[in-house]
């Protein structure tokens, strides 16, 4: 399996006011550490974003 990248995640959003990207999941410090501290761990909040997600489910 390929590694998960935040840029490919449905929860990775752009904030125009702050001019930056962020994860929209509301994580506390412990969850954030578990999700992003280790390189080999997989984010359990990762959702593959693609242009065909919604049309497939209609």
Protein backbone atom coordinates (compact mmCIF):
# COMPACT_ATOMS: atom_id res chain seq x y z
CA UNK A 1 0.00 0.00 0.00
CA UNK A 2 1.17 3.51 -0.67
CA UNK A 3 1.92 5.85 2.17
CA UNK A 4 -0.82 8.22 3.18
CA UNK A 5 -0.19 11.87 2.46
CA UNK A 6 -2.13 14.75 3.96
CA UNK A 7 -2.32 16.36 0.51
CA UNK A 8 -4.42 13.40 -0.70
CA UNK A 9 -6.81 13.43 2.26
CA UNK A 10 -10.42 14.58 2.18
CA UNK A 11 -9.85 16.27 5.59
CA UNK A 12 -6.98 18.47 4.35
CA UNK A 13 -8.46 21.93 3.75
CA UNK A 14 -7.22 25.33 2.70
CA UNK A 15 -7.98 28.35 4.89
CA UNK A 16 -8.05 31.47 2.71
CA UNK A 17 -7.87 33.89 5.65
CA UNK A 18 -4.76 32.25 7.14
CA UNK A 19 -3.40 31.33 3.67
CA UNK A 20 -2.47 27.82 4.80
CA UNK A 21 -3.61 24.21 4.74
CA UNK A 22 -4.79 22.36 7.84
CA UNK A 23 -6.37 19.09 8.93
CA UNK A 24 -10.02 19.73 9.72
CA UNK A 25 -10.23 16.85 12.18
CA UNK A 26 -10.55 18.15 15.72
CA UNK A 27 -7.69 16.28 17.38
CA UNK A 28 -6.47 16.70 20.92
CA UNK A 29 -2.73 16.63 21.68
CA UNK A 30 -2.58 12.88 22.29
CA UNK A 31 -4.47 12.01 19.09
CA UNK A 32 -2.33 14.40 17.08
CA UNK A 33 0.86 12.86 18.47
CA UNK A 34 -0.33 9.31 17.71
CA UNK A 35 -1.37 10.26 14.19
CA UNK A 36 1.70 12.23 13.12
CA UNK A 37 4.68 11.50 15.39
CA UNK A 38 5.78 8.19 13.89
CA UNK A 39 6.65 7.99 10.21
CA UNK A 40 5.39 4.41 9.85
CA UNK A 41 2.01 4.96 11.50
CA UNK A 42 -1.09 5.45 9.41
CA UNK A 43 -3.57 8.20 10.15
CA UNK A 44 -6.86 6.62 11.14
CA UNK A 45 -8.70 9.74 9.93
CA UNK A 46 -7.34 9.49 6.38
CA UNK A 47 -10.00 9.51 3.66
CA UNK A 48 -8.83 9.25 0.07
CA UNK A 49 -9.95 12.36 -1.78
CA UNK A 50 -10.64 12.18 -5.48
CA UNK A 51 -12.86 13.91 -8.02
CA UNK A 52 -15.05 10.85 -8.53
CA UNK A 53 -15.97 10.11 -4.90
CA UNK A 54 -19.40 11.75 -4.93
CA UNK A 55 -20.49 10.68 -8.44
CA UNK A 56 -19.72 7.06 -7.59
CA UNK A 57 -22.16 7.18 -4.65
CA UNK A 58 -25.03 8.87 -6.46
